[in-house]
N, C-alpha and C. Protein backbone atom coordinates (compact mmCIF):
# COMPACT_ATOMS: atom_id res chain seq x y z
N MET A 1 -23.12 71.62 46.43
CA MET A 1 -22.97 72.75 46.12
C MET A 1 -23.96 73.15 47.73
N VAL A 2 -23.66 74.14 48.34
CA VAL A 2 -24.03 74.59 49.64
C VAL A 2 -24.98 75.65 49.34
N GLY A 3 -26.62 75.53 50.03
CA GLY A 3 -27.33 77.02 50.13
C GLY A 3 -26.83 78.09 50.50
N ILE A 4 -27.55 78.89 50.59
CA ILE A 4 -27.06 80.53 51.39
C ILE A 4 -27.82 80.25 52.89
N PRO A 5 -26.87 80.20 53.87
CA PRO A 5 -27.42 80.46 55.55
C PRO A 5 -28.95 80.80 55.19
N LYS A 6 -29.66 80.23 56.38
CA LYS A 6 -30.79 80.89 57.04
C LYS A 6 -30.43 81.32 58.04
N VAL A 7 -30.51 82.97 58.35
CA VAL A 7 -30.53 83.16 59.87
C VAL A 7 -32.15 83.13 60.22
N THR A 8 -32.22 83.25 61.08
CA THR A 8 -33.83 83.69 62.15
C THR A 8 -33.47 84.53 63.30
N LEU A 9 -34.14 85.52 63.51
CA LEU A 9 -34.43 86.50 64.63
C LEU A 9 -35.34 86.53 65.30
N TYR A 10 -35.57 85.82 66.19
CA TYR A 10 -36.58 85.62 66.83
C TYR A 10 -36.56 87.37 68.33
N THR A 11 -37.09 88.10 68.01
CA THR A 11 -37.36 89.12 68.68
C THR A 11 -39.02 90.08 69.07
N ARG A 12 -38.59 91.10 69.45
CA ARG A 12 -40.01 91.29 70.11
C ARG A 12 -40.43 92.78 70.38
N LYS A 13 -41.33 93.03 70.32
CA LYS A 13 -41.16 94.64 70.32
C LYS A 13 -41.01 95.10 71.42
N GLY A 14 -39.76 96.39 71.16
CA GLY A 14 -39.94 96.79 72.91
C GLY A 14 -38.77 96.63 73.33
N CYS A 15 -37.68 95.40 72.37
CA CYS A 15 -37.14 94.84 73.05
C CYS A 15 -35.47 95.81 72.87
N CYS A 16 -34.64 96.43 73.50
CA CYS A 16 -32.98 96.52 72.71
C CYS A 16 -32.35 96.22 72.62
N LEU A 17 -32.40 94.95 73.28
CA LEU A 17 -31.23 93.64 73.36
C LEU A 17 -31.38 93.39 71.76
N CYS A 18 -33.10 93.40 71.59
CA CYS A 18 -33.46 92.49 69.75
C CYS A 18 -33.13 93.94 69.30
N GLU A 19 -32.58 95.26 69.32
CA GLU A 19 -32.21 96.05 67.96
C GLU A 19 -31.17 96.20 67.69
N ASP A 20 -30.64 96.02 69.17
CA ASP A 20 -28.42 95.80 68.94
C ASP A 20 -28.77 94.71 67.64
N ALA A 21 -28.90 93.36 68.19
CA ALA A 21 -28.77 91.67 67.07
C ALA A 21 -29.25 92.48 66.03
N LYS A 22 -30.43 93.76 65.84
CA LYS A 22 -30.45 93.59 63.95
C LYS A 22 -29.71 94.31 63.57
N ARG A 23 -28.90 94.96 64.01
CA ARG A 23 -27.57 96.54 63.45
C ARG A 23 -26.74 95.05 63.55
N VAL A 24 -25.89 94.16 64.28
CA VAL A 24 -25.26 93.32 64.37
C VAL A 24 -25.31 92.42 62.50
N LEU A 25 -26.99 92.11 63.07
CA LEU A 25 -27.20 91.19 61.39
C LEU A 25 -27.30 92.16 60.36
N GLU A 26 -27.32 93.09 59.89
CA GLU A 26 -27.24 93.84 59.01
C GLU A 26 -26.11 94.28 58.41
N SER A 27 -25.21 94.71 59.56
CA SER A 27 -23.67 95.05 59.30
C SER A 27 -23.11 93.74 58.86
N ALA A 28 -23.85 92.91 59.33
CA ALA A 28 -22.76 91.28 58.64
C ALA A 28 -22.95 91.01 57.20
N ARG A 29 -24.17 91.11 57.11
CA ARG A 29 -24.93 91.10 55.64
C ARG A 29 -23.56 91.76 54.40
N LYS A 30 -23.36 92.54 54.43
CA LYS A 30 -22.10 93.45 54.32
C LYS A 30 -20.63 92.33 53.67
N ARG A 31 -20.90 91.56 54.29
CA ARG A 31 -19.28 90.74 54.72
C ARG A 31 -19.42 89.43 54.27
N ALA A 32 -21.12 88.96 55.03
CA ALA A 32 -21.58 87.15 54.37
C ALA A 32 -23.02 87.58 53.64
N ARG A 33 -22.71 86.15 53.12
CA ARG A 33 -24.79 86.27 52.43
C ARG A 33 -25.28 85.51 53.20
N PHE A 34 -26.98 85.63 53.39
CA PHE A 34 -27.62 84.90 54.05
C PHE A 34 -28.52 85.68 54.31
N ASP A 35 -29.69 84.26 54.11
CA ASP A 35 -31.15 84.97 54.35
C ASP A 35 -31.68 85.29 55.43
N LEU A 36 -31.77 86.48 55.68
CA LEU A 36 -32.33 86.94 57.00
C LEU A 36 -34.29 87.30 57.01
N ASP A 37 -34.24 86.34 58.03
CA ASP A 37 -36.29 86.28 58.60
C ASP A 37 -36.13 86.66 59.93
N GLU A 38 -37.34 87.90 59.97
CA GLU A 38 -37.41 88.70 61.64
C GLU A 38 -38.85 87.83 61.97
N VAL A 39 -38.74 87.14 63.58
CA VAL A 39 -40.41 86.95 63.81
C VAL A 39 -40.23 87.19 65.28
N ASP A 40 -41.48 87.87 65.37
CA ASP A 40 -42.22 88.83 66.10
C ASP A 40 -42.43 87.20 67.12
N ILE A 41 -41.97 86.82 67.98
CA ILE A 41 -42.39 85.37 69.00
C ILE A 41 -43.73 85.73 69.68
N ASP A 42 -44.50 87.50 69.46
CA ASP A 42 -45.63 87.59 70.34
C ASP A 42 -46.31 87.30 69.59
N GLY A 43 -46.27 86.76 68.29
CA GLY A 43 -47.12 86.69 67.06
C GLY A 43 -47.58 85.06 67.35
N ASP A 44 -47.32 84.07 68.31
CA ASP A 44 -47.31 82.80 67.23
C ASP A 44 -46.87 82.56 69.73
N ALA A 45 -48.12 82.03 69.97
CA ALA A 45 -47.63 81.64 71.68
C ALA A 45 -46.73 80.37 71.65
N GLY A 46 -46.94 79.20 71.05
CA GLY A 46 -45.81 78.84 70.54
C GLY A 46 -44.10 79.61 71.52
N LEU A 47 -43.94 80.00 69.77
CA LEU A 47 -42.22 80.72 70.35
C LEU A 47 -42.17 82.11 71.49
N ALA A 48 -43.79 81.70 72.09
CA ALA A 48 -43.83 82.71 72.97
C ALA A 48 -43.12 82.26 74.27
N ARG A 49 -43.61 81.03 74.19
CA ARG A 49 -43.61 80.09 75.54
C ARG A 49 -41.88 79.77 75.31
N LEU A 50 -41.66 79.68 74.15
CA LEU A 50 -40.65 78.83 73.84
C LEU A 50 -38.89 79.89 74.16
N TYR A 51 -39.22 80.92 73.91
CA TYR A 51 -37.97 82.28 73.77
C TYR A 51 -39.33 83.21 74.62
N ASN A 52 -39.77 82.77 75.77
CA ASN A 52 -39.90 84.37 76.12
C ASN A 52 -39.11 84.90 76.86
N ASP A 53 -37.83 85.00 78.00
CA ASP A 53 -37.15 84.97 78.20
C ASP A 53 -35.68 85.31 78.47
N GLU A 54 -35.85 84.49 76.56
CA GLU A 54 -33.99 84.57 75.84
C GLU A 54 -34.03 85.09 74.71
N VAL A 55 -34.74 86.37 74.61
CA VAL A 55 -34.99 86.95 72.94
C VAL A 55 -33.71 87.89 73.08
N PRO A 56 -33.60 88.38 72.20
CA PRO A 56 -33.36 87.82 70.57
C PRO A 56 -32.40 86.51 70.55
N VAL A 57 -33.46 85.93 69.92
CA VAL A 57 -32.23 84.49 69.99
C VAL A 57 -32.41 83.99 68.42
N ILE A 58 -31.07 83.97 67.78
CA ILE A 58 -30.96 83.79 66.62
C ILE A 58 -30.25 82.64 66.45
N ALA A 59 -31.26 81.67 65.13
CA ALA A 59 -31.01 80.66 64.82
C ALA A 59 -30.03 81.07 63.44
N ILE A 60 -29.74 79.58 63.21
CA ILE A 60 -29.06 79.68 61.76
C ILE A 60 -29.23 78.37 61.12
N ASN A 61 -29.59 78.64 60.41
CA ASN A 61 -30.26 76.95 59.68
C ASN A 61 -31.39 75.83 60.72
N GLY A 62 -31.73 77.03 61.57
CA GLY A 62 -33.24 76.52 62.56
C GLY A 62 -32.40 75.97 63.36
N SER A 63 -31.08 75.84 64.06
CA SER A 63 -30.43 75.62 65.30
C SER A 63 -30.23 77.13 65.96
N LYS A 64 -30.81 76.75 67.16
CA LYS A 64 -30.27 77.83 67.59
C LYS A 64 -28.74 78.56 68.47
N ALA A 65 -28.48 79.24 68.15
CA ALA A 65 -26.60 79.82 67.63
C ALA A 65 -26.24 80.76 68.34
N PHE A 66 -27.16 82.07 69.31
CA PHE A 66 -26.87 82.97 69.75
C PHE A 66 -28.19 83.41 70.36
N LYS A 67 -28.11 83.12 71.91
CA LYS A 67 -29.89 84.24 73.01
C LYS A 67 -28.79 85.14 72.94
N TYR A 68 -29.45 85.88 73.48
CA TYR A 68 -29.62 87.52 74.31
C TYR A 68 -28.71 88.34 73.33
N ARG A 69 -27.30 88.14 73.58
CA ARG A 69 -26.05 88.98 72.73
C ARG A 69 -25.41 88.51 71.51
N VAL A 70 -24.80 88.90 70.02
CA VAL A 70 -24.10 88.55 69.42
C VAL A 70 -23.73 89.56 68.59
N THR A 71 -22.21 88.91 68.59
CA THR A 71 -20.78 89.78 68.07
C THR A 71 -21.38 89.78 66.50
N GLU A 72 -20.70 90.76 65.65
CA GLU A 72 -20.74 90.29 64.53
C GLU A 72 -19.31 89.27 64.10
N GLN A 73 -18.73 88.87 64.66
CA GLN A 73 -17.20 88.65 64.70
C GLN A 73 -17.15 86.82 64.80
N GLU A 74 -18.27 86.77 66.20
CA GLU A 74 -18.83 85.28 66.17
C GLU A 74 -20.13 84.66 65.27
N LEU A 75 -20.80 85.99 64.98
CA LEU A 75 -22.10 85.70 63.79
C LEU A 75 -21.03 85.30 62.02
N LEU A 76 -20.02 85.75 62.28
CA LEU A 76 -19.58 85.74 60.47
C LEU A 76 -18.75 83.85 61.29
N LYS A 77 -18.06 83.94 62.21
CA LYS A 77 -17.46 82.58 61.96
C LYS A 77 -18.48 81.43 62.39
N LYS A 78 -19.26 81.61 62.93
CA LYS A 78 -20.65 80.53 63.18
C LYS A 78 -21.07 80.36 61.69
N LEU A 79 -21.51 81.60 60.39
CA LEU A 79 -22.03 80.98 58.93
C LEU A 79 -20.98 80.35 58.33
N ALA A 80 -19.59 80.58 58.67
CA ALA A 80 -18.32 80.45 57.76
C ALA A 80 -18.44 78.83 58.52
N ALA A 81 -18.65 78.61 59.23
CA ALA A 81 -18.12 76.86 59.91
C ALA A 81 -19.59 76.47 59.81
N ARG A 82 -20.71 76.78 59.46
CA ARG A 82 -21.87 76.06 58.67
C ARG A 82 -22.61 76.22 56.99
N GLY A 83 -21.43 76.36 56.45
CA GLY A 83 -21.32 76.49 54.77
C GLY A 83 -20.70 75.67 54.09
């Protein structure tokens, strides 16, 4: 049995692209089942160093799947491939 995919959105306050990505993720949840975790990178020095110039970053089951922009279609495709 395959578990529910875990999607992590690495973000920061005041990031327009992050807000766009969050809207896409929320919309995709109507069509696919996945756990969603939102992480503000500025609360963790290691994450801030890692993703500072790349937010938003979206990881699926711990692997980076998108940075900067995501479309619902591409997200659903990647979720299906990993499920």
